[in-house]
Amino acid sequence: MKFIACLLVSTALAASAFAAESAKPNVLFILAEDIGNHLACYGEPLVQTPNLDKLAARGVRYTQAFTTAPVCSASRSAMMTGMYQTTIGAHQHRTWQWNKKPLPPGVRTITDYFRDAGYFTANLAPGPGKAKKSAALGTPGITGSSGNGKTDFNFLTDGPPFDGYDWNQRKPGQPFFAQITINESHKGPGWILAASKDSPVGHVDPEKIKLPPYYPDHPIARKEYANYLDAIALMDSYVGEVLARLEKDGLAGNTIIVFIGDNGQCMFRSKQFLYDGGISIPLLLAWPDRRRAGQVDQQMVSSIDISAAMLGFAGVKPGPVFQGRDFLAPGATPRSHIFAARDRMDESTDRMRAVRTPQWKYIRNYFPGIPYMQRNAYKENQYPTWNLVKQLAREGKLTPEAALFAADRKPVEELFDLSSDPWEVKNLALEPPHAAKLRELRALVDKWVIESGDQGGVIEDPLDIYKGYNGRLPEETESTRPAGKKK
C-alpha cells in the first residue's frame, strides 16, 4: 500500500509538472513569402483563401502591418531579432558569406529567448533524406505544408538558430516555437504549378483584374498579376495542411497561430521598393480560446513588433537591446508611424529610407542619380512586367503614372497623401501647401537614422559585391577563377 501511495503521489506530481509545462502556449509562426494584403478576408475579390479567412474569423486581422524592409533577407533578419536590419548591419540583400558578420553585442535571436524559457524551437522542413513536397499533392519541388526551412539571415549565429525541423522532436510536454515558411507565393515552382492545368486551385481571369495606375494595361501585365493571385490561393491550401496537422497532432488547443508575410508582393514596383506594395503585409493572430474572434485592428504594427509579441505569449521579456514593441501588452501605446529601409538589392546598390503614418508616406532617396529600374538580374529574369515597362518606355508608350518609375533618375524626396493617392503616384514633396508636412516627416527620418544607429551610410566595396555574386574579380574568367570559388 505504501508503494502504491508513493506511486500515486509521484504520478500526481508528474501530472502537475506536465500540466504546468504544457500550460505555456505553443507558438506557430507562419511566414508566407512575398505577399501583400491580397486575401479574401482583406477584401481581394478575385482570390479564394478559405483557410486564412477562417483563421481571421477566429482571431484578429491587422490592416496596418508593415515590414522594415521590402525584401526577405533584411526583413527576416529584423523579425528574428526584434531589431532594425539597419541597426544590426543586416540591411544589404543578400549578404553572402563574403561579409556576413555576427550579431552586435546584446542582440539575440528570438529563438534564443524561447530556449531560455524552456521552449523547443523548430524551423519546419521535410527533414533529412525526405523530399520537399506537399503532403497533399505529392509534387516534387513544391515545398508545401512541410515548409522549406528557410532562414535567409544576413548575420552569423553562434550555433544553429533552431533546435530542429519538426515540433514532434521536442520532449514530452515541452512547449514549442515553430516557424514555417511557405514559398508558393514566391516566384518559382509555386507560381508555375498555380498557373498550370494541374493546379489544385482555380485560376483568376486576367481580364477581371483592376490594375494599379502605374501598370501598363497589357496582356503580359494582366497575366503576371493573375498568376500572383493564383499562387496566393495555392499558398492558402498549404496553410490549410499545416493547420490540419496541428489538429491531428492534438496541439491546436494550446497553440497561438501567427500568420504574416515576410515582405510585400512580388510584383512590379512592389517587392524591393518602399511603396506600400513592397512593405504592406497581412498579419493574422489567432488564440486557442478564440479571444478577439473576428476583430479588425487598424493600429500600425512594424514587423519587428511581432517578435516582441510572440515572446510575450511565452511570458518572456527581451533584453535591453531590443527595438520591437509588444503591441499586445496591457497599456501598450500604438505606433503613430513606422519606418522602412531599402539598401542593396542583390547586386543593385541603393539606399532609401521611409516613414509612414496612417495618412502619409515620406521616402528619402540617397542616390537620386540611380534610377528605380537599374539593372537587376532577378527582376529581369523573374518579372515579365518589369521588362515590359522598360520596352514601352523606350517606345514612348507609357502612361504618365507608369513613366514615373521608368525615369532615368529618382527625386531626392517623395511625399504622398495616401488618403487621396493610395497608389503613391502624385509626389507632393515640392508643392508649397505641403511644406510643413514634408519638414515634419523629414525630421522623423533624420532622427530615426541617428538614434537607431543606421549603418546604411557605409557603402560596400563594389568589388566585394562583384565577387560575391560572380565568385571572381572582373578581369577573371571562368577558367581563371581561384580554386574553390563558386559562382
Protein backbone atom coordinates (compact mmCIF):
# COMPACT_ATOMS: atom_id res chain seq x y z
CA MET A 1 0.00 0.00 0.00
CA LYS A 2 2.82 2.33 0.87
CA PHE A 3 4.37 1.67 -2.54
CA ILE A 4 1.06 2.35 -4.27
CA ALA A 5 0.61 5.57 -2.29
CA CYS A 6 4.09 6.73 -3.27
CA LEU A 7 3.37 5.82 -6.86
CA LEU A 8 0.12 7.80 -6.80
CA VAL A 9 1.90 10.82 -5.30
CA SER A 10 4.68 10.56 -7.89
CA THR A 11 2.15 10.26 -10.67
CA ALA A 12 0.24 13.27 -9.36
CA LEU A 13 3.41 15.33 -9.14
CA ALA A 14 4.42 14.30 -12.66
CA ALA A 15 0.96 15.17 -13.97
CA SER A 16 1.12 18.51 -12.18
CA ALA A 17 4.54 19.24 -13.66
CA PHE A 18 3.30 18.22 -17.11
CA ALA A 19 0.25 20.48 -16.76
CA ALA A 20 2.42 23.41 -15.66
CA GLU A 21 4.78 22.86 -18.56
CA SER A 22 2.04 22.39 -21.13
CA ALA A 23 0.25 25.47 -19.80
CA LYS A 24 2.78 27.50 -21.70
CA PRO A 25 1.27 28.09 -25.14
CA ASN A 26 2.90 26.81 -28.28
CA VAL A 27 3.54 29.43 -30.95
CA LEU A 28 3.20 28.60 -34.65
CA PHE A 29 4.74 31.34 -36.81
CA ILE A 30 3.61 31.01 -40.44
CA LEU A 31 5.64 33.10 -42.87
CA ALA A 32 4.25 33.37 -46.39
CA GLU A 33 6.72 34.73 -48.89
CA ASP A 34 6.19 37.85 -50.96
CA ILE A 35 2.54 38.71 -50.37
CA GLY A 36 0.54 41.84 -49.82
CA ASN A 37 -2.96 42.09 -48.40
CA HIS A 38 -4.41 40.11 -51.29
CA LEU A 39 -6.52 37.67 -49.30
CA ALA A 40 -10.28 37.34 -49.47
CA CYS A 41 -10.54 38.37 -45.81
CA TYR A 42 -8.75 41.61 -46.73
CA GLY A 43 -11.25 42.31 -49.50
CA GLU A 44 -9.48 40.88 -52.56
CA PRO A 45 -12.46 39.77 -54.68
CA LEU A 46 -10.63 37.54 -57.16
CA VAL A 47 -8.75 35.16 -54.88
CA GLN A 48 -10.04 32.32 -52.72
CA THR A 49 -8.29 31.91 -49.37
CA PRO A 50 -10.73 29.85 -47.26
CA ASN A 51 -8.15 28.66 -44.71
CA LEU A 52 -6.79 32.09 -43.92
CA ASP A 53 -10.30 33.52 -43.93
CA LYS A 54 -11.25 31.00 -41.21
CA LEU A 55 -8.11 31.91 -39.27
CA ALA A 56 -9.03 35.59 -39.44
CA ALA A 57 -12.60 34.80 -38.34
CA ARG A 58 -11.40 33.18 -35.12
CA GLY A 59 -8.74 35.78 -34.38
CA VAL A 60 -7.78 39.34 -35.21
CA ARG A 61 -6.83 40.81 -38.58
CA TYR A 62 -4.42 43.76 -38.72
CA THR A 63 -4.85 46.19 -41.59
CA GLN A 64 -1.80 48.41 -40.96
CA ALA A 65 1.11 45.96 -40.68
CA PHE A 66 4.40 46.74 -42.42
CA THR A 67 7.82 45.20 -42.77
CA THR A 68 11.01 47.12 -42.02
CA ALA A 69 12.42 46.12 -45.43
CA PRO A 70 10.78 45.21 -48.74
CA VAL A 71 12.82 42.04 -49.22
CA CYS A 72 13.17 38.74 -47.39
CA SER A 73 16.73 38.54 -46.04
CA ALA A 74 16.71 42.02 -44.50
CA SER A 75 13.13 41.74 -43.27
CA ARG A 76 13.64 38.28 -41.76
CA SER A 77 16.84 39.43 -40.06
CA ALA A 78 14.83 42.17 -38.36
CA MET A 79 11.90 39.94 -37.41
CA MET A 80 14.15 37.25 -35.93
CA THR A 81 15.98 39.74 -33.70
CA GLY A 82 13.39 42.43 -32.98
CA MET A 83 15.96 44.93 -34.31
CA TYR A 84 16.02 47.10 -37.40
CA GLN A 85 18.21 45.47 -40.01
CA THR A 86 19.95 48.83 -40.49
CA THR A 87 20.93 48.86 -36.80
CA ILE A 88 22.50 45.40 -36.75
CA GLY A 89 24.26 45.58 -40.14
CA ALA A 90 21.86 43.15 -41.82
CA HIS A 91 20.42 45.58 -44.35
CA GLN A 92 22.14 44.56 -47.60
CA HIS A 93 20.18 41.91 -49.57
CA ARG A 94 21.72 39.45 -49.78
CA THR A 95 24.79 39.48 -47.61
CA TRP A 96 26.60 36.33 -48.67
CA GLN A 97 29.45 34.82 -46.73
CA TRP A 98 31.95 37.37 -48.01
CA ASN A 99 30.90 39.95 -45.43
CA LYS A 100 28.30 38.34 -43.18
CA LYS A 101 29.07 39.16 -39.54
CA PRO A 102 27.91 38.05 -36.07
CA LEU A 103 25.18 39.98 -34.32
CA PRO A 104 26.27 43.02 -32.28
CA PRO A 105 26.74 42.59 -28.52
CA GLY A 106 23.47 42.16 -26.67
CA VAL A 107 21.44 41.29 -29.78
CA ARG A 108 19.93 37.80 -29.74
CA THR A 109 17.56 35.85 -31.93
CA ILE A 110 14.09 35.32 -30.53
CA THR A 111 14.72 31.57 -30.61
CA ASP A 112 17.45 32.13 -28.01
CA TYR A 113 14.89 33.78 -25.76
CA PHE A 114 12.39 30.96 -26.34
CA ARG A 115 15.04 28.35 -25.47
CA ASP A 116 15.78 30.15 -22.21
CA ALA A 117 12.09 29.85 -21.38
CA GLY A 118 12.14 26.09 -21.93
CA TYR A 119 10.76 26.05 -25.45
CA PHE A 120 11.77 23.73 -28.26
CA THR A 121 12.38 25.75 -31.41
CA ALA A 122 11.78 24.32 -34.87
CA ASN A 123 12.13 25.63 -38.39
CA LEU A 124 9.73 23.28 -40.12
CA ALA A 125 11.18 21.34 -43.05
CA PRO A 126 10.89 17.82 -44.51
CA GLY A 127 13.88 16.57 -42.55
CA PRO A 128 16.98 14.63 -43.59
CA GLY A 129 16.53 12.39 -46.62
CA LYS A 130 12.94 13.46 -47.27
CA ALA A 131 11.81 15.08 -50.49
CA LYS A 132 10.49 18.59 -50.31
CA LYS A 133 6.92 18.15 -51.46
CA SER A 134 3.38 18.84 -50.44
CA ALA A 135 1.82 16.20 -48.27
CA ALA A 136 -1.44 16.68 -50.12
CA LEU A 137 -0.16 16.98 -53.67
CA GLY A 138 2.94 14.82 -53.60
CA THR A 139 4.53 17.27 -56.01
CA PRO A 140 8.36 17.16 -56.03
CA GLY A 141 9.93 20.60 -55.92
CA ILE A 142 6.94 22.19 -54.18
CA THR A 143 7.61 22.67 -50.50
CA GLY A 144 4.02 22.86 -49.34
CA SER A 145 2.97 22.00 -45.83
CA SER A 146 6.32 20.60 -44.77
CA GLY A 147 7.97 24.03 -45.01
CA ASN A 148 11.28 24.79 -46.68
CA GLY A 149 13.47 25.50 -43.65
CA LYS A 150 14.35 28.97 -44.92
CA THR A 151 16.20 31.35 -42.63
CA ASP A 152 18.00 33.74 -45.03
CA PHE A 153 19.54 35.81 -42.25
CA ASN A 154 22.12 38.47 -43.07
CA PHE A 155 24.14 37.61 -39.98
CA LEU A 156 26.08 34.73 -38.46
CA THR A 157 24.86 32.83 -35.40
CA ASP A 158 26.99 31.08 -32.78
CA GLY A 159 25.14 27.84 -33.38
CA PRO A 160 22.02 26.57 -35.14
CA PRO A 161 19.26 29.17 -34.71
CA PHE A 162 16.68 26.38 -34.30
CA ASP A 163 16.72 23.13 -32.32
CA GLY A 164 15.13 21.00 -35.02
CA TYR A 165 12.93 20.74 -38.08
CA ASP A 166 9.66 19.47 -36.60
CA TRP A 167 7.67 20.02 -33.42
CA ASN A 168 7.45 16.25 -32.87
CA GLN A 169 11.18 16.27 -31.98
CA ARG A 170 10.53 18.03 -28.69
CA LYS A 171 10.46 16.38 -25.27
CA PRO A 172 7.11 15.20 -23.87
CA GLY A 173 5.16 18.18 -22.57
CA GLN A 174 7.68 20.70 -23.85
CA PRO A 175 6.15 23.83 -25.45
CA PHE A 176 7.40 24.79 -28.87
CA PHE A 177 8.01 27.79 -31.07
CA ALA A 178 7.76 26.62 -34.67
CA GLN A 179 8.41 28.72 -37.74
CA ILE A 180 7.28 27.58 -41.16
CA THR A 181 7.99 29.31 -44.47
CA ILE A 182 5.50 28.67 -47.25
CA ASN A 183 7.10 29.65 -50.51
CA GLU A 184 4.36 29.05 -53.06
CA SER A 185 3.74 32.80 -53.31
CA HIS A 186 7.44 33.38 -54.12
CA LYS A 187 8.36 33.48 -57.80
CA GLY A 188 9.32 29.95 -58.80
CA PRO A 189 7.82 26.44 -58.76
CA GLY A 190 4.73 27.51 -56.82
CA TRP A 191 3.81 30.07 -59.47
CA ILE A 192 4.38 27.50 -62.21
CA LEU A 193 2.09 24.97 -60.52
CA ALA A 194 -0.53 27.63 -59.74
CA ALA A 195 -0.69 28.59 -63.42
CA SER A 196 -0.77 25.01 -64.72
CA LYS A 197 -3.72 22.77 -65.55
CA ASP A 198 -2.63 20.55 -62.63
CA SER A 199 -3.15 23.31 -60.09
CA PRO A 200 -5.40 22.25 -57.18
CA VAL A 201 -6.82 25.79 -57.03
CA GLY A 202 -8.78 27.81 -59.56
CA HIS A 203 -7.39 30.35 -61.98
CA VAL A 204 -8.06 34.09 -61.89
CA ASP A 205 -9.28 35.59 -65.16
CA PRO A 206 -6.66 38.18 -66.19
CA GLU A 207 -9.35 40.31 -67.81
CA LYS A 208 -11.11 40.80 -64.48
CA ILE A 209 -8.07 42.32 -62.75
CA LYS A 210 -8.12 46.02 -61.95
CA LEU A 211 -4.50 47.01 -62.48
CA PRO A 212 -2.85 49.80 -60.47
CA PRO A 213 -2.43 53.01 -62.48
CA TYR A 214 1.36 52.59 -62.63
CA TYR A 215 0.90 49.35 -64.60
CA PRO A 216 0.66 49.25 -68.39
CA ASP A 217 -2.69 47.76 -69.40
CA HIS A 218 -1.15 44.92 -71.36
CA PRO A 219 -1.80 41.13 -71.54
CA ILE A 220 1.67 40.43 -70.07
CA ALA A 221 0.96 42.55 -67.00
CA ARG A 222 -2.51 41.07 -66.55
CA LYS A 223 -1.23 37.51 -66.85
CA GLU A 224 1.53 38.08 -64.28
CA TYR A 225 -0.87 39.66 -61.80
CA ALA A 226 -3.36 36.80 -62.23
CA ASN A 227 -0.55 34.29 -61.66
CA TYR A 228 0.33 36.09 -58.42
CA LEU A 229 -3.23 35.73 -57.14
CA ASP A 230 -3.32 32.06 -58.18
CA ALA A 231 -0.11 31.48 -56.21
CA ILE A 232 -1.72 33.04 -53.14
CA ALA A 233 -4.63 30.60 -53.43
CA LEU A 234 -2.13 27.74 -53.63
CA MET A 235 -0.30 29.08 -50.59
CA ASP A 236 -3.60 29.17 -48.70
CA SER A 237 -4.18 25.48 -49.44
CA TYR A 238 -0.85 24.66 -47.79
CA VAL A 239 -1.75 26.78 -44.77
CA GLY A 240 -4.78 24.51 -44.51
CA GLU A 241 -2.49 21.47 -44.47
CA VAL A 242 -0.39 22.93 -41.65
CA LEU A 243 -3.43 23.75 -39.55
CA ALA A 244 -4.91 20.30 -40.21
CA ARG A 245 -1.72 18.66 -38.96
CA LEU A 246 -1.82 20.80 -35.84
CA GLU A 247 -5.32 19.46 -35.17
CA LYS A 248 -4.30 15.88 -35.98
CA ASP A 249 -1.39 16.05 -33.52
CA GLY A 250 -3.73 17.30 -30.79
CA LEU A 251 -1.91 20.62 -30.48
CA ALA A 252 -4.48 23.12 -31.72
CA GLY A 253 -5.96 23.59 -28.24
CA ASN A 254 -2.75 25.11 -26.88
CA THR A 255 -1.18 26.82 -29.90
CA ILE A 256 -1.26 30.51 -30.80
CA ILE A 257 -1.05 31.00 -34.55
CA VAL A 258 0.63 33.95 -36.22
CA PHE A 259 0.34 34.41 -39.99
CA ILE A 260 2.41 37.12 -41.66
CA GLY A 261 4.13 37.98 -44.93
CA ASP A 262 7.90 38.27 -44.92
CA ASN A 263 7.68 41.28 -47.28
CA GLY A 264 5.25 42.77 -49.76
CA GLN A 265 4.01 41.36 -53.04
CA CYS A 266 6.49 40.10 -55.62
CA MET A 267 5.13 42.31 -58.35
CA PHE A 268 6.28 45.28 -60.42
CA ARG A 269 7.18 48.35 -58.31
CA SER A 270 6.44 46.41 -55.13
CA LYS A 271 8.97 43.93 -53.69
CA GLN A 272 12.36 45.58 -53.13
CA PHE A 273 10.83 49.09 -53.03
CA LEU A 274 9.36 51.24 -50.26
CA TYR A 275 5.95 51.89 -51.74
CA ASP A 276 3.17 50.12 -49.89
CA GLY A 277 3.27 47.29 -52.41
CA GLY A 278 6.71 46.41 -51.05
CA ILE A 279 6.18 46.83 -47.30
CA SER A 280 2.46 46.31 -46.59
CA ILE A 281 1.76 42.77 -45.38
CA PRO A 282 -1.08 40.71 -43.92
CA LEU A 283 -1.00 39.89 -40.22
CA LEU A 284 -3.41 37.48 -38.55
CA LEU A 285 -3.33 36.33 -34.91
CA ALA A 286 -5.50 33.52 -33.56
CA TRP A 287 -5.66 32.20 -29.99
CA PRO A 288 -6.98 28.76 -28.98
CA ASP A 289 -9.72 30.35 -26.83
CA ARG A 290 -10.92 32.45 -29.81
CA ARG A 291 -10.38 35.71 -28.00
CA ARG A 292 -10.93 38.75 -30.24
CA ALA A 293 -12.59 36.49 -32.80
CA GLY A 294 -13.37 38.35 -36.00
CA GLN A 295 -11.89 41.64 -34.86
CA VAL A 296 -10.18 44.07 -37.23
CA ASP A 297 -7.37 46.15 -35.72
CA GLN A 298 -6.22 49.29 -37.53
CA GLN A 299 -3.25 50.17 -35.32
CA MET A 300 0.12 50.46 -37.02
CA VAL A 301 2.40 47.46 -36.45
CA SER A 302 6.01 47.07 -37.53
CA SER A 303 7.25 43.58 -38.31
CA ILE A 304 9.87 43.88 -35.54
CA ASP A 305 6.94 44.22 -33.11
CA ILE A 306 5.69 40.72 -33.87
CA SER A 307 8.92 39.42 -32.31
CA ALA A 308 8.15 41.11 -29.00
CA ALA A 309 4.51 39.99 -29.14
CA MET A 310 5.42 36.33 -29.70
CA LEU A 311 7.86 36.42 -26.79
CA GLY A 312 5.06 37.98 -24.78
CA PHE A 313 2.90 34.92 -25.48
CA ALA A 314 5.52 32.89 -23.59
CA GLY A 315 5.84 35.43 -20.79
CA VAL A 316 9.35 36.33 -21.96
CA LYS A 317 10.73 39.84 -21.72
CA PRO A 318 13.54 40.54 -24.19
CA GLY A 319 16.78 42.15 -23.08
CA PRO A 320 17.56 45.87 -23.16
CA VAL A 321 18.89 45.68 -26.74
CA PHE A 322 15.53 45.22 -28.46
CA GLN A 323 13.65 47.69 -30.65
CA GLY A 324 10.39 45.79 -31.19
CA ARG A 325 7.38 46.66 -29.06
CA ASP A 326 4.86 44.19 -27.66
CA PHE A 327 1.74 45.84 -29.08
CA LEU A 328 -0.44 43.27 -27.25
CA ALA A 329 0.88 44.12 -23.79
CA PRO A 330 -1.59 45.83 -21.43
CA GLY A 331 -1.33 49.58 -21.76
CA ALA A 332 0.89 49.43 -24.86
CA THR A 333 0.95 52.69 -26.82
CA PRO A 334 0.18 52.16 -30.53
CA ARG A 335 2.75 53.39 -33.02
CA SER A 336 1.98 56.69 -34.74
CA HIS A 337 4.32 55.78 -37.60
CA ILE A 338 6.59 53.02 -38.89
CA PHE A 339 10.00 53.09 -40.60
CA ALA A 340 11.31 51.07 -43.51
CA ALA A 341 14.55 50.91 -45.47
CA ARG A 342 15.83 49.75 -48.85
CA ASP A 343 19.52 49.15 -49.34
CA ARG A 344 21.40 46.96 -51.82
CA MET A 345 19.06 44.55 -53.55
CA ASP A 346 21.03 41.62 -54.93
CA GLU A 347 23.77 43.29 -56.99
CA SER A 348 21.91 46.65 -57.28
CA THR A 349 23.31 49.28 -54.92
CA ASP A 350 20.83 51.74 -53.43
CA ARG A 351 19.77 53.45 -50.21
CA MET A 352 16.27 54.67 -49.37
CA ARG A 353 14.58 55.42 -46.07
CA ALA A 354 10.88 55.89 -45.42
CA VAL A 355 8.42 56.81 -42.72
CA ARG A 356 4.72 56.04 -42.96
CA THR A 357 1.84 57.34 -40.88
CA PRO A 358 -1.79 56.26 -41.32
CA GLN A 359 -2.17 59.02 -43.91
CA TRP A 360 1.27 60.00 -45.18
CA LYS A 361 4.36 58.38 -46.71
CA TYR A 362 7.77 60.07 -47.00
CA ILE A 363 10.68 58.48 -48.90
CA ARG A 364 14.28 59.74 -48.92
CA ASN A 365 16.36 58.73 -51.95
CA TYR A 366 20.04 58.95 -51.05
CA PHE A 367 21.12 58.05 -54.60
CA PRO A 368 18.76 60.07 -56.83
CA GLY A 369 21.06 59.56 -59.81
CA ILE A 370 20.42 55.81 -59.74
CA PRO A 371 17.11 55.02 -61.46
CA TYR A 372 14.46 52.81 -59.89
CA MET A 373 14.81 50.38 -62.75
CA GLN A 374 18.57 49.97 -62.58
CA ARG A 375 19.99 46.68 -63.76
CA ASN A 376 18.82 43.78 -61.59
CA ALA A 377 19.17 40.23 -62.83
CA TYR A 378 16.48 38.87 -60.52
CA LYS A 379 13.91 41.37 -61.75
CA GLU A 380 14.84 40.88 -65.37
CA ASN A 381 14.66 37.09 -65.11
CA GLN A 382 11.52 36.77 -62.98
CA TYR A 383 9.29 39.81 -63.59
CA PRO A 384 7.73 39.98 -67.08
CA THR A 385 6.08 43.34 -66.35
CA TRP A 386 9.48 44.81 -65.40
CA ASN A 387 10.84 44.09 -68.86
CA LEU A 388 7.57 45.17 -70.49
CA VAL A 389 7.75 48.58 -68.83
CA LYS A 390 11.34 49.05 -69.99
CA GLN A 391 10.32 48.20 -73.53
CA LEU A 392 7.30 50.51 -73.53
CA ALA A 393 9.43 53.29 -72.04
CA ARG A 394 11.85 53.02 -74.95
CA GLU A 395 8.90 53.20 -77.32
CA GLY A 396 7.32 56.17 -75.52
CA LYS A 397 4.10 54.27 -74.84
CA LEU A 398 3.82 54.53 -71.05
CA THR A 399 1.13 56.45 -69.22
CA PRO A 400 2.39 59.35 -67.06
CA GLU A 401 1.92 57.24 -63.89
CA ALA A 402 3.89 54.31 -65.31
CA ALA A 403 6.59 56.59 -66.75
CA LEU A 404 7.45 57.91 -63.27
CA PHE A 405 9.05 54.62 -62.25
CA ALA A 406 10.86 54.25 -65.58
CA ALA A 407 12.57 57.67 -65.33
CA ASP A 408 16.35 57.87 -65.57
CA ARG A 409 16.66 59.30 -62.05
CA LYS A 410 14.73 59.49 -58.78
CA PRO A 411 13.55 62.58 -56.90
CA VAL A 412 15.51 63.31 -53.72
CA GLU A 413 12.30 63.20 -51.69
CA GLU A 414 8.86 61.77 -52.20
CA LEU A 415 5.74 62.69 -50.25
CA PHE A 416 2.36 61.03 -50.72
CA ASP A 417 -1.06 61.69 -49.21
CA LEU A 418 -2.32 58.12 -49.02
CA SER A 419 -5.88 59.17 -48.26
CA SER A 420 -6.24 60.66 -51.75
CA ASP A 421 -3.38 58.83 -53.51
CA PRO A 422 -3.19 55.21 -52.27
CA TRP A 423 -1.14 54.18 -55.31
CA GLU A 424 1.63 56.70 -54.48
CA VAL A 425 1.88 58.31 -57.92
CA LYS A 426 1.47 62.01 -57.07
CA ASN A 427 4.62 63.31 -55.40
CA LEU A 428 3.79 66.34 -53.23
CA ALA A 429 7.32 66.99 -51.96
CA LEU A 430 7.80 70.18 -53.99
CA GLU A 431 4.30 71.60 -53.50
CA PRO A 432 4.28 74.61 -51.09
CA PRO A 433 0.99 73.69 -49.33
CA HIS A 434 2.64 70.52 -48.05
CA ALA A 435 5.97 72.03 -46.96
CA ALA A 436 5.19 71.72 -43.25
CA LYS A 437 4.27 68.03 -43.56
CA LEU A 438 7.43 67.44 -45.59
CA ARG A 439 9.60 69.00 -42.88
CA GLU A 440 7.83 67.01 -40.16
CA LEU A 441 8.37 63.63 -41.82
CA ARG A 442 11.87 64.51 -42.99
CA ALA A 443 12.78 65.25 -39.36
CA LEU A 444 11.37 61.87 -38.26
CA VAL A 445 13.63 60.04 -40.73
CA ASP A 446 16.64 62.14 -39.73
CA LYS A 447 16.04 61.35 -36.07
CA TRP A 448 15.48 57.63 -36.71
CA VAL A 449 18.67 57.31 -38.78
CA ILE A 450 20.70 58.85 -35.95
CA GLU A 451 19.04 57.25 -32.93
CA SER A 452 18.81 53.76 -34.44
CA GLY A 453 22.49 53.73 -35.43
CA ASP A 454 21.68 53.26 -39.12
CA GLN A 455 24.68 51.59 -40.78
CA GLY A 456 23.49 52.26 -44.32
CA GLY A 457 25.80 55.24 -44.70
CA VAL A 458 28.76 52.89 -45.10
CA ILE A 459 28.71 51.80 -48.72
CA GLU A 460 30.09 48.41 -49.71
CA ASP A 461 33.12 47.98 -51.93
CA PRO A 462 31.76 47.20 -55.43
CA LEU A 463 34.49 44.59 -55.89
CA ASP A 464 33.14 42.71 -52.87
CA ILE A 465 29.68 42.75 -54.40
CA TYR A 466 31.02 41.57 -57.76
CA LYS A 467 32.99 38.76 -56.16
CA GLY A 468 30.03 37.80 -54.00
CA TYR A 469 27.75 37.35 -56.98
CA ASN A 470 30.27 36.09 -59.54
CA GLY A 471 32.89 34.36 -57.41
CA ARG A 472 35.69 36.24 -59.16
CA LEU A 473 37.10 39.67 -59.91
CA PRO A 474 36.01 41.48 -63.11
CA GLU A 475 39.19 40.61 -65.04
CA GLU A 476 39.00 36.94 -64.14
CA THR A 477 37.30 34.46 -66.46
CA GLU A 478 35.57 31.25 -65.53
CA SER A 479 38.74 29.32 -66.28
CA THR A 480 40.99 31.60 -64.21
CA ARG A 481 38.67 31.77 -61.20
CA PRO A 482 40.57 30.94 -57.97
CA ALA A 483 40.21 27.35 -56.83
CA GLY A 484 37.28 26.78 -54.51
CA LYS A 485 35.34 29.83 -55.72
CA LYS A 486 31.82 29.12 -56.88
CA LYS A 487 29.65 31.34 -58.94
